[in-house]
Protein backbone atom coordinates (compact mmCIF):
# COMPACT_ATOMS: atom_id res chain seq x y z
CA MET A 1 11.79 -7.50 109.75
CA ALA A 2 12.37 -10.33 112.24
CA ASP A 3 12.54 -9.53 115.91
CA PRO A 4 15.97 -9.58 117.59
CA TRP A 5 16.78 -12.95 119.13
CA TYR A 6 16.37 -11.74 122.71
CA VAL A 7 12.84 -10.51 121.97
CA SER A 8 11.92 -13.92 120.54
CA LEU A 9 13.47 -15.69 123.53
CA PHE A 10 11.64 -13.71 126.22
CA ARG A 11 8.27 -13.34 124.47
CA ASN A 12 6.79 -16.27 126.42
CA TYR A 13 9.57 -17.55 128.62
CA ALA A 14 9.07 -16.47 132.22
CA LYS A 15 8.03 -19.46 134.32
CA GLN A 16 10.51 -21.62 132.43
CA TYR A 17 13.18 -18.95 132.91
CA ASP A 18 12.77 -19.20 136.69
CA LYS A 19 13.68 -22.91 136.44
CA GLU A 20 17.03 -22.28 134.75
CA SER A 21 20.16 -23.18 136.72
CA PHE A 22 21.59 -19.68 136.38
CA THR A 23 18.61 -18.13 138.21
CA GLN A 24 19.07 -20.14 141.41
CA GLY A 25 21.66 -17.99 143.18
CA THR A 26 19.49 -15.04 144.19
CA LEU A 27 20.04 -15.09 147.97
CA GLY A 28 23.84 -15.13 147.89
CA GLU A 29 23.93 -12.51 145.14
CA CYS A 30 21.69 -10.22 147.19
CA ASP A 31 23.97 -10.72 150.21
CA PHE A 32 26.83 -9.26 148.16
CA ILE A 33 24.69 -6.38 146.88
CA GLU A 34 23.74 -5.47 150.45
CA GLN A 35 27.39 -5.38 151.49
CA GLU A 36 28.29 -3.11 148.58
CA LEU A 37 25.38 -0.82 149.49
CA ASP A 38 26.69 -0.61 153.07
CA TYR A 39 23.24 -1.86 154.12
CA ASP A 40 21.85 1.62 153.46
CA LYS A 41 18.12 1.11 153.05
CA THR A 42 17.46 4.75 152.28
CA LEU A 43 18.90 4.35 148.77
CA GLN A 44 16.78 4.24 145.61
CA ILE A 45 17.93 1.26 143.51
CA LEU A 46 17.27 0.54 139.85
CA ASP A 47 17.17 -3.10 138.64
CA VAL A 48 17.91 -3.01 134.90
CA GLY A 49 16.77 -6.05 132.93
CA CYS A 50 15.00 -7.23 136.09
CA GLY A 51 13.41 -10.19 134.29
CA THR A 52 11.01 -12.01 136.60
CA GLY A 53 12.08 -9.73 139.46
CA ARG A 54 14.03 -12.17 141.58
CA HIS A 55 16.64 -9.68 142.82
CA SER A 56 14.16 -6.80 143.19
CA ILE A 57 11.77 -8.98 145.17
CA GLU A 58 14.43 -10.35 147.50
CA LEU A 59 15.97 -6.93 148.16
CA THR A 60 12.53 -5.40 148.76
CA LYS A 61 11.86 -8.13 151.33
CA ARG A 62 15.10 -7.02 153.01
CA GLY A 63 13.86 -3.42 153.18
CA TYR A 64 15.36 -1.77 150.08
CA ASN A 65 13.63 0.63 147.66
CA MET A 66 13.60 -1.08 144.27
CA THR A 67 12.40 -0.17 140.78
CA GLY A 68 12.59 -2.86 138.11
CA VAL A 69 12.66 -2.31 134.35
CA ASP A 70 12.60 -4.83 131.52
CA PHE A 71 11.94 -5.01 127.78
CA SER A 72 9.76 -8.13 128.03
CA GLU A 73 6.09 -7.87 128.95
CA ALA A 74 6.00 -11.58 129.81
CA GLN A 75 8.92 -11.28 132.23
CA LEU A 76 7.38 -8.25 133.90
CA ARG A 77 4.00 -9.95 134.18
CA ARG A 78 5.65 -12.82 136.00
CA ALA A 79 7.58 -10.39 138.26
CA LYS A 80 4.36 -8.63 139.25
CA GLU A 81 2.65 -11.97 139.99
CA LYS A 82 5.52 -13.04 142.24
CA ALA A 83 5.61 -9.69 144.05
CA GLN A 84 1.85 -9.75 144.61
CA ALA A 85 2.09 -13.28 146.05
CA GLU A 86 4.59 -11.87 148.59
CA ASN A 87 2.37 -8.82 149.30
CA LEU A 88 5.10 -6.53 147.99
CA THR A 89 4.60 -3.29 146.10
CA ILE A 90 7.40 -2.84 143.56
CA PRO A 91 7.29 -0.61 140.46
CA PHE A 92 7.99 -2.97 137.55
CA LEU A 93 8.15 -0.87 134.39
CA LEU A 94 8.29 -1.74 130.69
CA ALA A 95 11.34 0.11 129.34
CA ASP A 96 14.16 -0.17 126.84
CA ALA A 97 17.51 -0.19 128.66
CA ARG A 98 19.07 1.70 125.75
CA CYS A 99 16.89 4.75 126.49
CA LEU A 100 15.67 4.64 130.06
CA PRO A 101 13.20 7.39 131.11
CA PHE A 102 15.28 8.50 134.11
CA GLU A 103 17.81 11.21 134.85
CA GLU A 104 19.83 11.18 138.07
CA ASP A 105 16.98 9.45 139.92
CA PHE A 106 18.80 6.52 141.53
CA ASP A 107 21.55 6.03 144.09
CA ALA A 108 22.51 2.61 142.73
CA ALA A 109 21.76 0.25 139.88
CA ILE A 110 22.08 -3.49 139.42
CA MET A 111 22.09 -5.31 136.08
CA LEU A 112 22.56 -9.01 136.68
CA CYS A 113 22.46 -12.23 134.68
CA GLU A 114 22.99 -10.30 131.44
CA GLY A 115 20.11 -7.92 132.10
CA GLY A 116 20.18 -6.41 128.60
CA PHE A 117 23.93 -5.83 128.40
CA PRO A 118 25.60 -7.66 126.52
CA LEU A 119 22.71 -9.18 124.56
CA MET A 120 22.40 -6.42 121.98
CA GLU A 121 23.37 -7.22 118.41
CA THR A 122 25.77 -4.29 118.04
CA ASP A 123 28.45 -2.80 120.27
CA ARG A 124 26.83 0.59 119.85
CA GLU A 125 23.59 -0.70 121.41
CA ASN A 126 25.44 -2.30 124.32
CA ALA A 127 27.29 0.96 124.95
CA ALA A 128 23.95 2.78 124.83
CA ILE A 129 22.70 0.65 127.72
CA LEU A 130 25.65 1.64 129.92
CA ALA A 131 25.19 5.28 128.95
CA SER A 132 21.47 5.13 129.72
CA VAL A 133 22.08 3.52 133.11
CA ALA A 134 24.77 6.10 133.92
CA LYS A 135 22.31 8.90 133.06
CA SER A 136 19.76 7.34 135.41
CA LEU A 137 22.20 7.46 138.33
CA LYS A 138 22.91 10.40 140.61
CA PRO A 139 26.37 11.99 140.45
CA ASP A 140 27.44 9.82 143.38
CA ALA A 141 26.24 6.29 142.72
CA LEU A 142 27.10 2.61 142.58
CA LEU A 143 26.67 0.23 139.63
CA ILE A 144 26.85 -3.56 139.99
CA PHE A 145 26.45 -5.78 136.96
CA THR A 146 27.52 -9.05 135.41
CA THR A 147 28.57 -9.63 131.84
CA LEU A 148 30.20 -12.32 129.72
CA ASN A 149 33.92 -12.58 130.40
CA GLY A 150 35.97 -12.19 127.23
CA LEU A 151 38.90 -14.01 128.85
CA PHE A 152 36.88 -17.24 129.06
CA PRO A 153 36.36 -18.24 125.39
CA LEU A 154 39.98 -17.41 124.57
CA THR A 155 41.15 -20.42 126.59
CA ASN A 156 38.03 -22.55 127.16
CA SER A 157 35.43 -24.38 125.07
CA LEU A 158 32.02 -22.71 125.15
CA ASN A 159 30.25 -25.91 124.10
CA GLU A 160 31.94 -27.83 126.90
CA PHE A 161 30.80 -25.18 129.36
CA TYR A 162 27.22 -25.29 128.02
CA ALA A 163 27.15 -29.08 128.28
CA ASN A 164 28.36 -29.11 131.89
CA ASN A 165 26.51 -26.09 133.29
CA THR A 166 23.11 -25.91 131.61
CA THR A 167 19.98 -27.35 133.20
CA GLY A 168 16.40 -26.21 132.82
CA GLY A 169 14.35 -25.34 129.75
CA ALA A 170 17.06 -24.13 127.39
CA ALA A 171 20.09 -25.67 125.66
CA TYR A 172 22.92 -23.84 123.90
CA GLU A 173 25.37 -24.82 121.20
CA SER A 174 28.04 -22.43 120.04
CA ASP A 175 28.09 -22.16 116.27
CA ARG A 176 31.08 -19.85 116.07
CA PHE A 177 33.03 -17.62 118.42
CA ASP A 178 34.63 -14.77 116.51
CA ILE A 179 37.87 -13.73 118.18
CA VAL A 180 37.92 -10.45 116.25
CA THR A 181 34.44 -9.23 117.24
CA MET A 182 34.39 -11.21 120.54
CA ARG A 183 30.91 -12.44 119.65
CA ASP A 184 29.48 -15.92 120.06
CA ARG A 185 26.83 -16.94 117.58
CA ASN A 186 25.03 -19.88 119.08
CA VAL A 187 21.89 -21.93 118.56
CA THR A 188 19.49 -21.76 121.49
CA THR A 189 16.77 -24.37 121.90
CA PHE A 190 14.16 -23.76 124.58
CA THR A 191 10.66 -24.68 125.70
CA ASP A 192 8.33 -21.74 126.34
CA ASP A 193 5.66 -21.40 129.02
CA ASP A 194 3.11 -23.10 126.74
CA GLN A 195 5.45 -26.11 126.38
CA LYS A 196 6.27 -25.26 122.78
CA GLU A 197 9.83 -25.81 121.56
CA HIS A 198 11.72 -23.06 119.73
CA THR A 199 15.12 -22.74 118.11
CA ILE A 200 16.69 -19.33 117.67
CA HIS A 201 20.08 -18.03 116.61
CA SER A 202 21.64 -15.94 119.38
CA ASN A 203 24.40 -13.37 119.18
CA GLU A 204 26.16 -12.43 122.42
CA ARG A 205 29.13 -10.15 123.03
CA TYR A 206 31.99 -11.15 125.36
CA TYR A 207 33.88 -8.23 126.93
CA LEU A 208 37.43 -7.86 128.16
CA PRO A 209 37.93 -6.02 131.47
CA SER A 210 39.88 -3.28 129.68
CA GLU A 211 36.90 -2.61 127.39
CA ILE A 212 34.51 -2.31 130.33
CA THR A 213 36.93 0.03 132.11
CA TRP A 214 37.17 2.25 129.06
CA LEU A 215 33.38 2.36 128.56
CA LEU A 216 32.66 3.18 132.20
CA THR A 217 35.40 5.73 132.79
CA ASP A 218 34.19 7.53 129.67
CA LEU A 219 30.78 7.76 131.38
CA GLY A 220 32.18 9.32 134.55
CA PHE A 221 32.86 6.27 136.71
CA LYS A 222 36.00 6.83 138.76
CA GLN A 223 36.52 3.34 140.17
CA VAL A 224 35.92 0.06 138.30
CA GLU A 225 36.59 -3.33 139.91
CA PHE A 226 36.30 -6.87 138.50
CA PHE A 227 35.56 -10.19 140.18
CA GLY A 228 34.62 -13.67 139.09
CA ALA A 229 30.80 -14.00 139.06
CA HIS A 230 30.23 -17.24 140.96
CA LEU A 231 26.58 -18.31 140.89
CA GLY A 232 24.94 -17.48 144.22
CA ASN A 233 28.29 -16.59 145.77
CA PHE A 234 29.35 -13.13 144.63
CA SER A 235 32.40 -12.08 146.62
CA ARG A 236 35.37 -9.74 146.51
CA GLU A 237 37.45 -12.80 147.34
CA HIS A 238 36.83 -14.22 143.85
CA LYS A 239 39.37 -12.45 141.67
CA LEU A 240 38.55 -12.54 137.97
CA THR A 241 40.36 -15.23 135.96
CA SER A 242 40.05 -16.83 132.53
CA LEU A 243 38.13 -19.69 134.19
CA ASP A 244 35.18 -17.41 134.99
CA PHE A 245 32.40 -17.56 132.40
CA GLU A 246 30.98 -14.28 133.73
CA MET A 247 32.62 -11.27 135.31
CA LEU A 248 31.15 -9.27 138.16
CA VAL A 249 31.70 -5.51 137.78
CA VAL A 250 31.46 -3.00 140.64
CA ALA A 251 31.79 0.64 139.58
CA TYR A 252 31.52 3.92 141.47
CA LYS A 253 30.76 7.32 140.08
CA HIS A 254 32.61 10.26 141.59
CA LEU A 255 31.89 10.78 145.28
CA THR A 256 31.73 14.43 146.30
CA ALA A 257 32.49 15.55 149.83
CA ASN A 258 28.77 16.10 150.44
CA ALA A 259 27.92 12.59 149.26
CA LEU A 260 30.57 11.04 151.49
CA VAL A 261 29.25 12.90 154.54
CA GLN A 262 25.67 11.92 153.66
CA ARG A 263 26.67 8.25 153.44
CA TYR A 264 28.42 8.50 156.79
CA THR A 265 25.38 10.18 158.37
CA ALA A 266 23.08 7.45 157.03
CA GLN A 267 25.30 4.77 158.53
CA VAL A 268 25.37 6.53 161.90
CA GLN A 269 21.58 6.88 161.84
CA GLN A 270 21.28 3.14 161.32
CA ASN A 271 23.40 2.78 164.48
CA THR A 272 25.41 -0.11 163.01
CA LEU A 273 28.56 1.98 162.69
CA THR A 274 28.67 3.06 166.33
CA ILE A 275 27.75 -0.42 167.59
CA ALA A 276 30.55 -2.03 165.55
CA TYR A 277 33.02 0.63 166.71
CA SER A 278 32.11 0.07 170.36
CA ILE A 279 32.64 -3.71 169.93
CA ILE A 280 36.19 -3.11 168.66
CA LEU A 281 36.96 -0.69 171.50
CA ASN A 282 35.58 -3.09 174.09
CA VAL A 283 37.99 -5.79 172.87
CA LEU A 284 40.89 -3.35 173.14
CA LYS A 285 39.84 -2.28 176.65
CA THR A 286 39.65 -5.91 177.75
CA LEU A 287 43.00 -6.53 176.09
CA HIS A 288 44.54 -3.65 178.05
CA THR A 289 43.39 -5.16 181.35
CA THR A 290 44.56 -8.64 180.35
CA LEU A 291 47.99 -7.39 179.26
CA GLU A 292 48.60 -6.00 182.75
CA THR A 293 47.96 -9.48 184.17
CA ARG A 294 49.81 -11.50 181.52
CA PHE A 295 52.90 -9.25 181.48
CA PRO A 296 53.26 -7.90 185.06
CA GLU A 297 56.86 -6.82 184.43
CA ALA A 298 55.72 -4.60 181.53
CA THR A 299 53.62 -1.46 181.39
CA ALA A 300 50.35 -1.44 179.40
CA THR A 301 49.71 2.10 178.20
CA SER A 302 46.23 3.55 177.94
CA LEU A 303 43.91 2.92 175.01
CA TYR A 304 44.16 5.22 171.99
CA GLN A 305 40.68 5.11 170.47
CA GLY A 306 41.46 6.76 167.14
CA TYR A 307 38.73 6.86 164.54
CA MET A 308 38.33 5.05 161.22
CA ASP A 309 42.10 4.63 160.87
CA MET A 310 43.61 2.76 163.80
CA SER A 311 43.02 2.14 167.50
CA TYR A 312 45.62 0.63 169.81
CA VAL A 313 47.00 -0.13 173.26
CA GLY A 314 50.69 0.02 174.08
CA LEU A 315 52.99 -2.40 175.88
CA VAL A 316 56.48 -1.49 177.14
CA THR A 317 58.74 -4.24 178.49
CA PRO A 318 61.89 -3.38 180.49
CA GLU A 319 64.02 -4.52 177.52
CA LEU A 320 62.13 -2.26 175.09
CA LYS A 321 62.23 0.64 177.54
CA SER A 322 66.05 0.43 177.65
CA HIS A 323 66.05 1.02 173.89
CA ASN A 324 63.40 3.80 174.02
CA LEU A 325 61.07 1.45 172.11
CA LYS A 326 57.53 0.19 172.68
CA LEU A 327 54.96 -2.18 171.24
CA ALA A 328 51.56 -1.17 169.93
CA ILE A 329 48.75 -3.69 169.51
CA VAL A 330 46.90 -2.01 166.67
CA TYR A 331 43.48 -2.57 165.17
CA VAL A 332 43.63 -1.35 161.56
CA HIS A 333 40.10 -0.30 160.60
CA ALA A 334 40.72 -0.39 156.84
CA THR A 335 41.73 -4.07 156.86
CA GLY A 336 39.92 -5.41 159.93
CA CYS A 337 43.19 -6.92 161.24
CA PHE A 338 45.00 -6.79 164.55
CA GLU A 339 48.71 -6.07 164.10
CA LEU A 340 51.69 -5.84 166.42
CA TRP A 341 53.95 -2.83 165.78
CA LEU A 342 57.41 -2.12 167.14
CA ALA A 343 57.56 1.66 167.54
CA ALA A 344 59.83 4.26 169.13
CA ARG A 345 59.55 7.20 171.51
CA ASN A 346 60.13 9.63 168.66
CA ARG A 347 60.82 9.71 164.91
CA THR A 348 64.59 10.09 165.29
CA ILE A 349 64.88 6.89 167.34
CA GLN A 350 62.46 5.21 164.95
CA ASP A 351 64.70 6.02 161.96
CA GLN A 352 67.82 4.84 163.80
CA TYR A 353 66.32 1.43 164.65
CA ARG A 354 64.86 0.99 161.20
CA GLU A 355 68.38 1.11 159.78
CA LYS A 356 69.85 -0.97 162.63
CA LEU A 357 67.27 -3.74 162.00
CA ARG A 358 67.57 -3.69 158.22
CA GLY A 359 68.57 -7.18 157.13
CA LYS A 360 67.68 -8.72 160.49
CA VAL A 361 63.90 -8.80 160.06
CA LYS A 362 62.61 -12.21 158.98
CA ALA A 363 59.11 -13.41 158.05
CA PRO A 364 56.45 -13.16 159.32
CA PHE A 365 57.77 -9.78 160.50
CA GLN A 366 58.06 -6.93 158.03
CA LEU A 367 60.35 -3.93 158.15
CA VAL A 368 58.23 -0.82 157.63
CA GLU A 369 59.85 1.77 155.40
CA LYS A 370 59.86 5.41 156.40
CA GLU A 371 56.73 7.37 155.52
CA PRO A 372 55.44 10.70 156.88
CA VAL A 373 52.52 9.23 158.85
CA VAL A 374 53.83 5.74 159.67
CA ASP A 375 54.93 5.12 163.26
CA ALA A 376 55.97 1.49 162.96
CA ILE A 377 59.51 0.14 162.59
CA VAL A 378 58.53 -3.53 162.35
CA GLN A 379 55.06 -5.01 162.07
CA VAL A 380 53.43 -8.46 162.12
CA VAL A 381 49.79 -9.56 161.80
CA LEU A 382 48.33 -10.91 165.05
CA ASP A 383 44.87 -11.87 163.80
CA GLU A 384 43.70 -11.42 160.21
CA HIS A 385 40.11 -12.56 160.86
CA PRO A 386 39.15 -11.69 164.46
CA ASN A 387 36.13 -13.52 165.89
CA TYR A 388 34.12 -10.93 167.81
CA ASP A 389 31.41 -13.45 168.70
CA ASP A 390 33.85 -14.93 171.25
CA GLN A 391 35.67 -11.87 172.59
CA SER A 392 37.23 -13.68 175.56
CA SER A 393 38.86 -16.19 173.23
CA LEU A 394 39.92 -13.38 170.88
CA VAL A 395 41.71 -11.47 173.66
CA SER A 396 43.37 -14.68 174.89
CA THR A 397 44.57 -15.47 171.36
CA LEU A 398 46.00 -11.97 170.93
CA CYS A 399 47.90 -12.23 174.21
CA ASP A 400 49.28 -15.66 173.31
CA ARG A 401 50.56 -14.38 169.98
CA ILE A 402 52.06 -11.26 171.57
CA ALA A 403 53.93 -13.49 174.01
CA GLY A 404 55.13 -15.64 171.14
CA PHE A 405 56.39 -12.70 169.11
CA LEU A 406 57.88 -10.80 172.05
CA GLY A 407 60.92 -13.07 172.31
CA ASP A 408 61.58 -12.71 168.58
CA ILE A 409 61.45 -8.94 168.84
CA HIS A 410 63.80 -8.84 171.81
CA ALA A 411 66.22 -11.09 169.87
CA MET A 412 66.26 -8.66 166.94
CA LEU A 413 67.54 -5.92 169.24
CA VAL A 414 70.58 -7.83 170.46
């Protein structure tokens, strides 16, 4: 019986593989992985279909604990050579992703550049890979992987994509994309590491986001997110569209209370959390002092530090005081934005002014509807992307924008 196409492809195709265009984005992809890991270098991470080890090697150089697995001896041999050249010790193991020899051993897993999934010749085998990876992960874990985007071939030409985006040792020509099975049967021509040319018939599965969601939620993942997989530039800013050849999937298994506290403790131990928090508070303290100078007729109220929700300083002008209202310059931790809120002395006054201002609030201001824990009547964004590297300029910008909006707010109350 002939070997599956992916076995034939990777039998002697490691050095040539490293020359392919789609393997050149390692650094930017690892930047994204680090962000999703919250830079927690205590985590044990599994690299499924690690190939020549490019992501495992780069993340190990950055201080992470990596284990790489692959089905190809040639790929693993190359990965070990590259790691040894960097004086890195990384376990690179020969394993079948459909039946990995692990059980709740890892805090996170990555499976990038079609690391096994979705190369299998049946849907059952592809599903087995996801199940095997899920079994390898602890109850509270993160999975990041890329796969072929089923939205792409429905509206785009695969052959046109191959012609415009393929450089290196391999060439692809789609023979037939089956819209019923969502499989592309293509002819792959490549030159192996001994400079011999080969032609094989490939069979790859394209997945719709809804299919991935169903597969992962069935395996216990509680949160599944999709993004466009841009080579070397993975980002949450790249929302998945039909123009993306690959989709980037970020999935979380259920986080228990213990796991959440452990993650928080790890971040505190790294000291990055407290340092970042102190930077934000320092800006607000400086802002408080500056407000007293910029608005001498007003009263700047003391800093409310808050924690992980919002922190703010208040400003009460004579006009606002006559209405029993106040301003709050709020840093919203969940969004990273500074906002200006019009608030009231108590909830009764807040409700009264919400109704009085209904219909009078124009963009960029927003009327905030009544909710149990919301203290704003009207809100507007002051700075969506604060620059903490120049805190003096940041505080000055915030004050300028407060001054600009203050007249608009006073006019609403007339």
